[in-house]
N, C-alpha and C. Protein backbone atom coordinates (compact mmCIF):
# COMPACT_ATOMS: atom_id res chain seq x y z
N UNK A 1 18.68 88.00 40.57
CA UNK A 1 18.51 86.87 41.44
C UNK A 1 18.50 85.59 40.63
N UNK A 2 19.25 84.61 41.09
CA UNK A 2 19.26 83.32 40.40
C UNK A 2 18.38 82.35 41.14
N UNK A 3 17.82 81.45 40.36
CA UNK A 3 16.93 80.45 40.94
C UNK A 3 17.74 79.32 41.56
N UNK A 4 17.33 78.85 42.70
CA UNK A 4 17.99 77.72 43.35
C UNK A 4 17.53 76.43 42.67
N UNK A 5 18.48 75.53 42.49
CA UNK A 5 18.17 74.24 41.85
C UNK A 5 17.73 73.27 42.94
N UNK A 6 16.60 72.65 42.75
CA UNK A 6 16.09 71.68 43.70
C UNK A 6 16.72 70.32 43.39
N UNK A 7 17.58 69.83 44.27
CA UNK A 7 18.26 68.55 44.05
C UNK A 7 17.52 67.38 44.66
N UNK A 8 16.38 67.63 45.26
CA UNK A 8 15.61 66.55 45.89
C UNK A 8 14.90 65.69 44.86
N UNK A 9 14.54 66.27 43.74
CA UNK A 9 13.82 65.53 42.71
C UNK A 9 14.79 65.06 41.63
N UNK A 10 14.82 63.74 41.37
CA UNK A 10 15.73 63.26 40.32
C UNK A 10 15.25 63.71 38.94
N UNK A 11 16.20 63.96 38.07
CA UNK A 11 15.87 64.37 36.72
C UNK A 11 15.49 63.13 35.93
N UNK A 12 14.42 63.19 35.20
CA UNK A 12 13.94 62.06 34.43
C UNK A 12 14.44 62.19 32.99
N UNK A 13 14.99 61.12 32.48
CA UNK A 13 15.41 61.06 31.09
C UNK A 13 14.48 60.14 30.33
N UNK A 14 14.14 60.50 29.15
CA UNK A 14 13.26 59.67 28.33
C UNK A 14 14.06 59.13 27.16
N UNK A 15 14.03 57.81 27.01
CA UNK A 15 14.72 57.14 25.90
C UNK A 15 13.69 56.38 25.07
N UNK A 16 13.94 56.33 23.79
CA UNK A 16 13.16 55.41 22.97
C UNK A 16 13.66 54.01 23.27
N UNK A 17 12.82 53.02 23.05
CA UNK A 17 13.21 51.64 23.34
C UNK A 17 14.46 51.24 22.57
N UNK A 18 14.56 51.61 21.31
CA UNK A 18 15.74 51.27 20.50
C UNK A 18 17.00 51.92 21.05
N UNK A 19 16.87 53.19 21.47
CA UNK A 19 18.03 53.88 22.05
C UNK A 19 18.45 53.21 23.36
N UNK A 20 17.46 52.83 24.16
CA UNK A 20 17.75 52.18 25.44
C UNK A 20 18.43 50.82 25.20
N UNK A 21 17.94 50.06 24.22
CA UNK A 21 18.56 48.78 23.88
C UNK A 21 20.00 48.97 23.41
N UNK A 22 20.22 50.00 22.59
CA UNK A 22 21.59 50.29 22.13
C UNK A 22 22.50 50.63 23.31
N UNK A 23 21.98 51.41 24.25
CA UNK A 23 22.75 51.77 25.44
C UNK A 23 23.10 50.53 26.27
N UNK A 24 22.13 49.65 26.45
CA UNK A 24 22.39 48.41 27.20
C UNK A 24 23.40 47.52 26.49
N UNK A 25 23.29 47.40 25.18
CA UNK A 25 24.25 46.60 24.42
C UNK A 25 25.66 47.15 24.53
N UNK A 26 25.78 48.45 24.44
CA UNK A 26 27.09 49.10 24.58
C UNK A 26 27.68 48.83 25.97
N UNK A 27 26.84 48.97 27.00
CA UNK A 27 27.32 48.72 28.37
C UNK A 27 27.73 47.26 28.54
N UNK A 28 26.96 46.35 27.96
CA UNK A 28 27.30 44.93 28.07
C UNK A 28 28.62 44.62 27.37
N UNK A 29 28.81 45.20 26.19
CA UNK A 29 30.06 44.97 25.46
C UNK A 29 31.26 45.53 26.23
N UNK A 30 31.11 46.72 26.79
CA UNK A 30 32.21 47.30 27.58
C UNK A 30 32.52 46.44 28.80
N UNK A 31 31.47 45.94 29.45
CA UNK A 31 31.68 45.07 30.60
C UNK A 31 32.40 43.79 30.22
N UNK A 32 31.99 43.19 29.10
CA UNK A 32 32.65 41.97 28.63
C UNK A 32 34.10 42.23 28.28
N UNK A 33 34.36 43.38 27.64
CA UNK A 33 35.75 43.71 27.30
C UNK A 33 36.60 43.89 28.56
N UNK A 34 36.04 44.50 29.59
CA UNK A 34 36.77 44.68 30.85
C UNK A 34 37.08 43.35 31.51
N UNK A 35 36.10 42.45 31.50
CA UNK A 35 36.32 41.13 32.10
C UNK A 35 37.41 40.38 31.35
N UNK A 36 37.34 40.40 30.03
CA UNK A 36 38.37 39.72 29.23
C UNK A 36 39.74 40.34 29.47
N UNK A 37 39.79 41.66 29.62
CA UNK A 37 41.07 42.32 29.88
C UNK A 37 41.61 41.92 31.25
N UNK A 38 40.75 41.83 32.24
CA UNK A 38 41.20 41.42 33.58
C UNK A 38 41.69 39.98 33.59
N UNK A 39 41.12 39.15 32.73
CA UNK A 39 41.55 37.75 32.64
C UNK A 39 42.69 37.57 31.66
N UNK A 40 43.16 38.68 31.10
CA UNK A 40 44.24 38.68 30.12
C UNK A 40 43.87 37.87 28.88
N UNK A 41 42.63 38.02 28.46
CA UNK A 41 42.12 37.30 27.29
C UNK A 41 41.63 38.25 26.20
N UNK A 42 42.06 39.50 26.24
CA UNK A 42 41.53 40.49 25.31
C UNK A 42 42.29 40.55 23.99
N UNK A 43 43.29 39.73 23.81
CA UNK A 43 44.15 39.85 22.63
C UNK A 43 43.59 39.15 21.38
N UNK A 44 42.37 38.74 21.39
CA UNK A 44 41.78 38.11 20.22
C UNK A 44 41.92 36.60 20.21
N UNK A 45 42.64 36.05 21.15
CA UNK A 45 42.83 34.61 21.22
C UNK A 45 42.00 33.98 22.33
N UNK A 46 41.05 34.73 22.85
CA UNK A 46 40.26 34.26 23.99
C UNK A 46 39.53 32.95 23.67
N UNK A 47 38.91 32.86 22.52
CA UNK A 47 38.16 31.65 22.16
C UNK A 47 39.08 30.44 22.10
N UNK A 48 40.25 30.63 21.48
CA UNK A 48 41.21 29.52 21.39
C UNK A 48 41.73 29.14 22.77
N UNK A 49 42.05 30.14 23.60
CA UNK A 49 42.57 29.88 24.94
C UNK A 49 41.54 29.14 25.79
N UNK A 50 40.30 29.58 25.73
CA UNK A 50 39.25 28.91 26.51
C UNK A 50 39.02 27.50 25.98
N UNK A 51 39.08 27.32 24.67
CA UNK A 51 38.96 25.97 24.11
C UNK A 51 40.07 25.05 24.59
N UNK A 52 41.30 25.58 24.64
CA UNK A 52 42.42 24.78 25.14
C UNK A 52 42.26 24.45 26.61
N UNK A 53 41.75 25.41 27.39
CA UNK A 53 41.51 25.14 28.81
C UNK A 53 40.45 24.06 28.99
N UNK A 54 39.43 24.09 28.16
CA UNK A 54 38.39 23.05 28.24
C UNK A 54 38.96 21.68 27.88
N UNK A 55 39.81 21.64 26.86
CA UNK A 55 40.44 20.37 26.48
C UNK A 55 41.32 19.85 27.61
N UNK A 56 42.07 20.76 28.24
CA UNK A 56 42.93 20.37 29.35
C UNK A 56 42.11 19.84 30.52
N UNK A 57 41.01 20.50 30.82
CA UNK A 57 40.14 20.04 31.90
C UNK A 57 39.54 18.68 31.58
N UNK A 58 39.14 18.47 30.35
CA UNK A 58 38.58 17.16 29.95
C UNK A 58 39.65 16.07 30.04
N UNK A 59 40.87 16.39 29.64
CA UNK A 59 41.97 15.42 29.75
C UNK A 59 42.23 15.07 31.22
N UNK A 60 42.17 16.08 32.10
CA UNK A 60 42.35 15.83 33.53
C UNK A 60 41.25 14.91 34.05
N UNK A 61 40.02 15.16 33.65
CA UNK A 61 38.91 14.32 34.10
C UNK A 61 39.07 12.89 33.60
N UNK A 62 39.49 12.72 32.33
CA UNK A 62 39.73 11.39 31.79
C UNK A 62 40.83 10.67 32.56
N UNK A 63 41.91 11.38 32.87
CA UNK A 63 43.02 10.78 33.61
C UNK A 63 42.56 10.36 35.00
N UNK A 64 41.78 11.20 35.65
CA UNK A 64 41.27 10.87 36.98
C UNK A 64 40.36 9.64 36.95
N UNK A 65 39.47 9.59 35.94
CA UNK A 65 38.59 8.43 35.78
C UNK A 65 39.39 7.15 35.55
N UNK A 66 40.40 7.25 34.69
CA UNK A 66 41.25 6.09 34.38
C UNK A 66 42.00 5.64 35.63
N UNK A 67 42.49 6.58 36.42
CA UNK A 67 43.21 6.23 37.65
C UNK A 67 42.29 5.48 38.61
N UNK A 68 41.06 5.95 38.76
CA UNK A 68 40.13 5.24 39.66
C UNK A 68 39.81 3.84 39.13
N UNK A 69 39.58 3.72 37.85
CA UNK A 69 39.29 2.40 37.28
C UNK A 69 40.47 1.45 37.47
N UNK A 70 41.68 1.95 37.25
CA UNK A 70 42.87 1.13 37.42
C UNK A 70 43.02 0.70 38.88
N UNK A 71 42.78 1.62 39.80
CA UNK A 71 42.86 1.30 41.23
C UNK A 71 41.86 0.21 41.59
N UNK A 72 40.64 0.32 41.12
CA UNK A 72 39.62 -0.69 41.41
C UNK A 72 40.02 -2.04 40.82
N UNK A 73 40.55 -2.04 39.60
CA UNK A 73 40.96 -3.30 38.97
C UNK A 73 42.11 -3.95 39.74
N UNK A 74 43.10 -3.16 40.18
CA UNK A 74 44.24 -3.71 40.92
C UNK A 74 43.78 -4.30 42.25
N UNK A 75 42.94 -3.58 42.97
CA UNK A 75 42.45 -4.08 44.26
C UNK A 75 41.63 -5.34 44.06
N UNK A 76 40.75 -5.34 43.06
CA UNK A 76 39.93 -6.52 42.80
C UNK A 76 40.80 -7.73 42.41
N UNK A 77 41.77 -7.51 41.57
CA UNK A 77 42.67 -8.59 41.16
C UNK A 77 43.46 -9.12 42.35
N UNK A 78 43.93 -8.24 43.22
CA UNK A 78 44.68 -8.67 44.40
C UNK A 78 43.81 -9.51 45.33
N UNK A 79 42.58 -9.08 45.54
CA UNK A 79 41.67 -9.85 46.41
C UNK A 79 41.39 -11.22 45.81
N UNK A 80 41.12 -11.27 44.50
CA UNK A 80 40.86 -12.55 43.86
C UNK A 80 42.09 -13.46 43.91
N UNK A 81 43.29 -12.89 43.72
CA UNK A 81 44.51 -13.70 43.79
C UNK A 81 44.70 -14.26 45.19
N UNK A 82 44.45 -13.45 46.22
CA UNK A 82 44.59 -13.96 47.59
C UNK A 82 43.58 -15.06 47.86
N UNK A 83 42.36 -14.91 47.35
CA UNK A 83 41.35 -15.96 47.53
C UNK A 83 41.77 -17.25 46.83
N UNK A 84 42.32 -17.14 45.62
CA UNK A 84 42.78 -18.33 44.91
C UNK A 84 43.94 -19.01 45.62
N UNK A 85 44.90 -18.23 46.12
CA UNK A 85 46.03 -18.81 46.85
C UNK A 85 45.52 -19.48 48.13
N UNK A 86 44.61 -18.82 48.83
CA UNK A 86 44.04 -19.42 50.05
C UNK A 86 43.30 -20.72 49.75
N UNK A 87 42.52 -20.72 48.67
CA UNK A 87 41.80 -21.94 48.30
C UNK A 87 42.77 -23.04 47.91
N UNK A 88 43.85 -22.70 47.19
CA UNK A 88 44.84 -23.70 46.78
C UNK A 88 45.53 -24.29 48.00
N UNK A 89 45.86 -23.46 48.96
CA UNK A 89 46.51 -23.98 50.18
C UNK A 89 45.53 -24.85 50.95
N UNK A 90 44.30 -24.42 51.06
CA UNK A 90 43.28 -25.18 51.78
C UNK A 90 43.07 -26.55 51.13
N UNK A 91 43.09 -26.60 49.81
CA UNK A 91 42.89 -27.86 49.10
C UNK A 91 44.21 -28.60 48.91
N UNK A 92 45.29 -28.11 49.47
CA UNK A 92 46.63 -28.71 49.42
C UNK A 92 47.12 -28.89 47.99
N UNK A 93 46.73 -27.98 47.12
CA UNK A 93 47.22 -28.02 45.75
C UNK A 93 48.63 -27.46 45.74
N UNK A 94 48.83 -26.43 46.52
CA UNK A 94 50.15 -25.83 46.60
C UNK A 94 50.83 -26.34 47.86
N UNK A 95 52.13 -26.38 47.79
CA UNK A 95 52.87 -26.86 48.96
C UNK A 95 52.80 -25.85 50.07
N UNK A 96 52.19 -26.20 51.14
CA UNK A 96 52.09 -25.33 52.30
C UNK A 96 52.42 -26.13 53.53
N UNK A 97 52.20 -25.61 54.69
CA UNK A 97 52.46 -26.39 55.91
C UNK A 97 51.61 -27.64 55.93
N UNK A 98 52.23 -28.73 56.27
CA UNK A 98 51.50 -30.00 56.23
C UNK A 98 51.23 -30.53 57.61
């Protein structure tokens, strides 16, 4: 007669803390490798590629900031020019309707 295995009770495993830490580190490294592989960054150039992406993102942000500053300067200059032309016409400095 063979004994029936009771599957209701989970089997307990005992690990030393160092062994458990090693197991966690191994799992973390495997997970990181899988993520890098899915992102197609596992070829050893991941650090360089990510650095280039960060530089590209920073350049985009600089360009966007510069575009907004330029837009504000153009609008401000246009408003001031219209005010000056209006004041010149009002003071009859420039030839306008008389």
